[in-house]
N, C-alpha and C. Protein backbone atom coordinates (compact mmCIF):
# COMPACT_ATOMS: atom_id res chain seq x y z
N MET A 1 40.79 37.80 18.78
CA MET A 1 40.56 38.65 17.63
C MET A 1 41.78 38.70 16.73
N ILE A 2 42.96 38.91 17.32
CA ILE A 2 44.20 38.97 16.54
C ILE A 2 44.49 37.61 15.92
N LEU A 3 44.25 36.54 16.68
CA LEU A 3 44.46 35.20 16.14
C LEU A 3 43.52 34.94 14.97
N ASN A 4 42.31 35.40 15.06
CA ASN A 4 41.32 35.25 14.00
C ASN A 4 41.78 36.01 12.75
N ALA A 5 42.34 37.20 12.92
CA ALA A 5 42.83 38.00 11.79
C ALA A 5 44.02 37.30 11.14
N PHE A 6 44.93 36.75 11.97
CA PHE A 6 46.07 36.01 11.41
C PHE A 6 45.59 34.78 10.64
N GLY A 7 44.57 34.15 11.13
CA GLY A 7 44.01 32.99 10.46
C GLY A 7 43.44 33.36 9.10
N LEU A 8 42.72 34.48 9.05
CA LEU A 8 42.16 34.94 7.78
C LEU A 8 43.26 35.34 6.79
N VAL A 9 44.28 36.00 7.31
CA VAL A 9 45.41 36.40 6.45
C VAL A 9 46.12 35.15 5.94
N GLY A 10 46.27 34.16 6.79
CA GLY A 10 46.90 32.90 6.38
C GLY A 10 46.10 32.19 5.30
N ILE A 11 44.79 32.17 5.47
CA ILE A 11 43.92 31.54 4.47
C ILE A 11 43.99 32.31 3.15
N ALA A 12 43.94 33.65 3.24
CA ALA A 12 44.01 34.47 2.04
C ALA A 12 45.35 34.25 1.32
N ALA A 13 46.43 34.18 2.10
CA ALA A 13 47.75 33.96 1.51
C ALA A 13 47.82 32.59 0.83
N THR A 14 47.23 31.59 1.44
CA THR A 14 47.21 30.24 0.86
C THR A 14 46.41 30.22 -0.44
N VAL A 15 45.25 30.86 -0.45
CA VAL A 15 44.42 30.92 -1.66
C VAL A 15 45.15 31.67 -2.76
N LEU A 16 45.74 32.81 -2.40
CA LEU A 16 46.48 33.60 -3.39
C LEU A 16 47.68 32.81 -3.93
N GLY A 17 48.38 32.14 -3.03
CA GLY A 17 49.52 31.32 -3.46
C GLY A 17 49.08 30.20 -4.40
N GLY A 18 47.96 29.57 -4.07
CA GLY A 18 47.43 28.51 -4.94
C GLY A 18 47.06 29.04 -6.31
N TYR A 19 46.45 30.23 -6.32
CA TYR A 19 46.09 30.86 -7.60
C TYR A 19 47.34 31.13 -8.44
N VAL A 20 48.38 31.66 -7.81
CA VAL A 20 49.62 31.96 -8.52
C VAL A 20 50.23 30.69 -9.08
N VAL A 21 50.23 29.63 -8.30
CA VAL A 21 50.79 28.35 -8.77
C VAL A 21 49.98 27.81 -9.94
N LEU A 22 48.65 27.84 -9.84
CA LEU A 22 47.80 27.35 -10.93
C LEU A 22 48.01 28.16 -12.21
N ARG A 23 48.09 29.46 -12.06
CA ARG A 23 48.29 30.31 -13.24
C ARG A 23 49.67 30.05 -13.87
N ALA A 24 50.70 29.93 -13.06
CA ALA A 24 52.04 29.66 -13.58
C ALA A 24 52.07 28.30 -14.29
N THR A 25 51.40 27.31 -13.73
CA THR A 25 51.34 25.99 -14.36
C THR A 25 50.63 26.07 -15.70
N ASN A 26 49.53 26.80 -15.75
CA ASN A 26 48.77 26.96 -16.99
C ASN A 26 49.62 27.67 -18.05
N GLU A 27 50.32 28.71 -17.65
CA GLU A 27 51.17 29.44 -18.60
C GLU A 27 52.31 28.56 -19.11
N ALA A 28 52.87 27.74 -18.22
CA ALA A 28 53.96 26.85 -18.63
C ALA A 28 53.44 25.82 -19.64
N LYS A 29 52.26 25.28 -19.40
CA LYS A 29 51.68 24.31 -20.34
C LYS A 29 51.38 24.96 -21.68
N THR A 30 50.85 26.18 -21.64
CA THR A 30 50.57 26.92 -22.87
C THR A 30 51.86 27.17 -23.64
N SER A 31 52.89 27.52 -22.91
CA SER A 31 54.19 27.77 -23.54
C SER A 31 54.71 26.49 -24.21
N GLU A 32 54.55 25.35 -23.55
CA GLU A 32 54.99 24.09 -24.13
C GLU A 32 54.22 23.76 -25.40
N VAL A 33 52.92 24.04 -25.40
CA VAL A 33 52.09 23.77 -26.58
C VAL A 33 52.56 24.64 -27.74
N TRP A 34 52.76 25.93 -27.49
CA TRP A 34 53.21 26.84 -28.55
C TRP A 34 54.60 26.47 -29.05
N LYS A 35 55.46 26.04 -28.15
CA LYS A 35 56.80 25.63 -28.55
C LYS A 35 56.72 24.41 -29.47
N GLY A 36 55.87 23.45 -29.10
CA GLY A 36 55.69 22.26 -29.93
C GLY A 36 55.14 22.62 -31.30
N GLU A 37 54.18 23.54 -31.32
CA GLU A 37 53.60 23.96 -32.59
C GLU A 37 54.64 24.67 -33.46
N ALA A 38 55.45 25.50 -32.85
CA ALA A 38 56.51 26.20 -33.59
C ALA A 38 57.51 25.20 -34.18
N GLU A 39 57.86 24.19 -33.42
CA GLU A 39 58.79 23.18 -33.92
C GLU A 39 58.18 22.41 -35.09
N ALA A 40 56.89 22.09 -34.98
CA ALA A 40 56.22 21.38 -36.07
C ALA A 40 56.16 22.25 -37.33
N GLN A 41 55.88 23.53 -37.18
CA GLN A 41 55.83 24.44 -38.33
C GLN A 41 57.21 24.56 -38.98
N LYS A 42 58.25 24.61 -38.16
CA LYS A 42 59.61 24.70 -38.70
C LYS A 42 59.96 23.43 -39.47
N ALA A 43 59.59 22.29 -38.93
CA ALA A 43 59.86 21.02 -39.63
C ALA A 43 59.13 20.99 -40.97
N ARG A 44 57.87 21.45 -40.99
CA ARG A 44 57.12 21.51 -42.25
C ARG A 44 57.78 22.46 -43.24
N ALA A 45 58.21 23.60 -42.75
CA ALA A 45 58.87 24.59 -43.62
C ALA A 45 60.17 24.01 -44.18
N ASP A 46 60.92 23.29 -43.37
CA ASP A 46 62.16 22.67 -43.85
C ASP A 46 61.88 21.63 -44.93
N ARG A 47 60.82 20.82 -44.74
CA ARG A 47 60.46 19.83 -45.75
C ARG A 47 60.04 20.51 -47.05
N LEU A 48 59.25 21.57 -46.94
CA LEU A 48 58.82 22.30 -48.14
C LEU A 48 60.01 22.93 -48.86
N GLN A 49 60.97 23.44 -48.09
CA GLN A 49 62.17 24.02 -48.70
C GLN A 49 62.95 22.95 -49.45
N ASP A 50 63.07 21.78 -48.85
CA ASP A 50 63.76 20.67 -49.53
C ASP A 50 63.03 20.28 -50.81
N ASP A 51 61.68 20.22 -50.74
CA ASP A 51 60.89 19.88 -51.93
C ASP A 51 61.08 20.93 -53.02
N LEU A 52 61.08 22.19 -52.63
CA LEU A 52 61.25 23.27 -53.60
C LEU A 52 62.63 23.20 -54.25
N THR A 53 63.64 22.91 -53.48
CA THR A 53 64.99 22.77 -54.03
C THR A 53 65.03 21.63 -55.04
N GLU A 54 64.41 20.50 -54.70
CA GLU A 54 64.37 19.36 -55.61
C GLU A 54 63.61 19.72 -56.89
N ILE A 55 62.50 20.42 -56.78
CA ILE A 55 61.72 20.82 -57.96
C ILE A 55 62.55 21.73 -58.85
N LYS A 56 63.26 22.67 -58.25
CA LYS A 56 64.11 23.58 -59.04
C LYS A 56 65.20 22.80 -59.78
N GLN A 57 65.79 21.83 -59.10
CA GLN A 57 66.84 21.03 -59.74
C GLN A 57 66.26 20.23 -60.91
N ARG A 58 65.08 19.64 -60.72
CA ARG A 58 64.44 18.88 -61.79
C ARG A 58 64.09 19.78 -62.96
N LEU A 59 63.59 20.98 -62.68
CA LEU A 59 63.24 21.92 -63.74
C LEU A 59 64.47 22.32 -64.53
N THR A 60 65.56 22.58 -63.85
CA THR A 60 66.81 22.93 -64.53
C THR A 60 67.25 21.78 -65.44
N SER A 61 67.14 20.57 -64.94
CA SER A 61 67.51 19.40 -65.73
C SER A 61 66.61 19.26 -66.96
N ILE A 62 65.31 19.46 -66.78
CA ILE A 62 64.36 19.37 -67.90
C ILE A 62 64.65 20.46 -68.93
N GLU A 63 64.94 21.67 -68.45
CA GLU A 63 65.25 22.76 -69.38
C GLU A 63 66.51 22.45 -70.19
N ARG A 64 67.54 21.89 -69.52
CA ARG A 64 68.77 21.51 -70.23
C ARG A 64 68.47 20.44 -71.28
N GLU A 65 67.70 19.44 -70.87
CA GLU A 65 67.36 18.35 -71.80
C GLU A 65 66.52 18.88 -72.97
N ASN A 66 65.61 19.76 -72.69
CA ASN A 66 64.78 20.36 -73.73
C ASN A 66 65.65 21.14 -74.72
N GLN A 67 66.58 21.91 -74.19
CA GLN A 67 67.48 22.67 -75.07
C GLN A 67 68.31 21.73 -75.94
N ARG A 68 68.78 20.66 -75.35
CA ARG A 68 69.57 19.68 -76.11
C ARG A 68 68.71 19.05 -77.22
N LEU A 69 67.48 18.72 -76.90
CA LEU A 69 66.59 18.13 -77.90
C LEU A 69 66.28 19.11 -79.03
N ILE A 70 66.10 20.37 -78.68
CA ILE A 70 65.86 21.39 -79.71
C ILE A 70 67.08 21.51 -80.62
N GLU A 71 68.26 21.48 -80.03
CA GLU A 71 69.49 21.56 -80.84
C GLU A 71 69.59 20.36 -81.78
N VAL A 72 69.26 19.16 -81.27
CA VAL A 72 69.30 17.96 -82.11
C VAL A 72 68.28 18.07 -83.24
N LEU A 73 67.07 18.47 -82.90
CA LEU A 73 66.02 18.59 -83.89
C LEU A 73 66.38 19.64 -84.94
N THR A 74 66.93 20.75 -84.51
CA THR A 74 67.32 21.81 -85.44
C THR A 74 68.42 21.32 -86.39
N SER A 75 69.36 20.59 -85.84
CA SER A 75 70.46 20.11 -86.69
C SER A 75 69.96 19.07 -87.69
N LEU A 76 68.92 18.33 -87.36
CA LEU A 76 68.40 17.32 -88.28
C LEU A 76 67.50 17.94 -89.35
N ASP A 77 66.58 18.82 -88.94
CA ASP A 77 65.62 19.39 -89.89
C ASP A 77 65.15 20.75 -89.39
N PRO A 78 65.84 21.83 -89.73
CA PRO A 78 65.47 23.16 -89.25
C PRO A 78 64.05 23.56 -89.66
N SER A 79 63.57 23.13 -90.82
CA SER A 79 62.22 23.51 -91.24
C SER A 79 61.16 22.87 -90.34
N ARG A 80 61.45 21.68 -89.85
CA ARG A 80 60.50 21.01 -88.95
C ARG A 80 60.37 21.79 -87.64
N LEU A 81 61.48 22.33 -87.14
CA LEU A 81 61.45 23.11 -85.92
C LEU A 81 60.64 24.39 -86.14
N ALA A 82 60.82 25.04 -87.29
CA ALA A 82 60.05 26.25 -87.59
C ALA A 82 58.56 25.92 -87.65
N ALA A 83 58.22 24.79 -88.24
CA ALA A 83 56.83 24.38 -88.32
C ALA A 83 56.28 24.10 -86.93
N LEU A 84 57.09 23.50 -86.08
CA LEU A 84 56.68 23.20 -84.72
C LEU A 84 56.38 24.49 -83.96
N HIS A 85 57.22 25.50 -84.12
CA HIS A 85 56.99 26.78 -83.46
C HIS A 85 55.73 27.49 -83.98
N ARG A 86 55.45 27.35 -85.27
CA ARG A 86 54.26 27.99 -85.83
C ARG A 86 52.98 27.34 -85.32
N SER A 87 53.02 26.04 -85.08
CA SER A 87 51.81 25.34 -84.64
C SER A 87 51.50 25.64 -83.17
N ASN A 88 52.47 26.06 -82.41
CA ASN A 88 52.25 26.39 -80.99
C ASN A 88 51.86 27.83 -80.91
């Protein structure tokens, strides 16, 4: 009877241990998946930040060039610039 009880306890402990191992393995895999996803999102965010920086630099350059062209146009024919502003 006692041996039978020890056998049942041993089986129960083995099943419980197996369950704990399976659950820990599943959680570790889930953690790896989320870590990979977080790294991919960070890489995307870094690329978007770089793109935004480049766009801002290009816009600044265009604005400078536009201002220079307006100054040239104004110095050549101020009435033409006034007409241009009225048509817009």
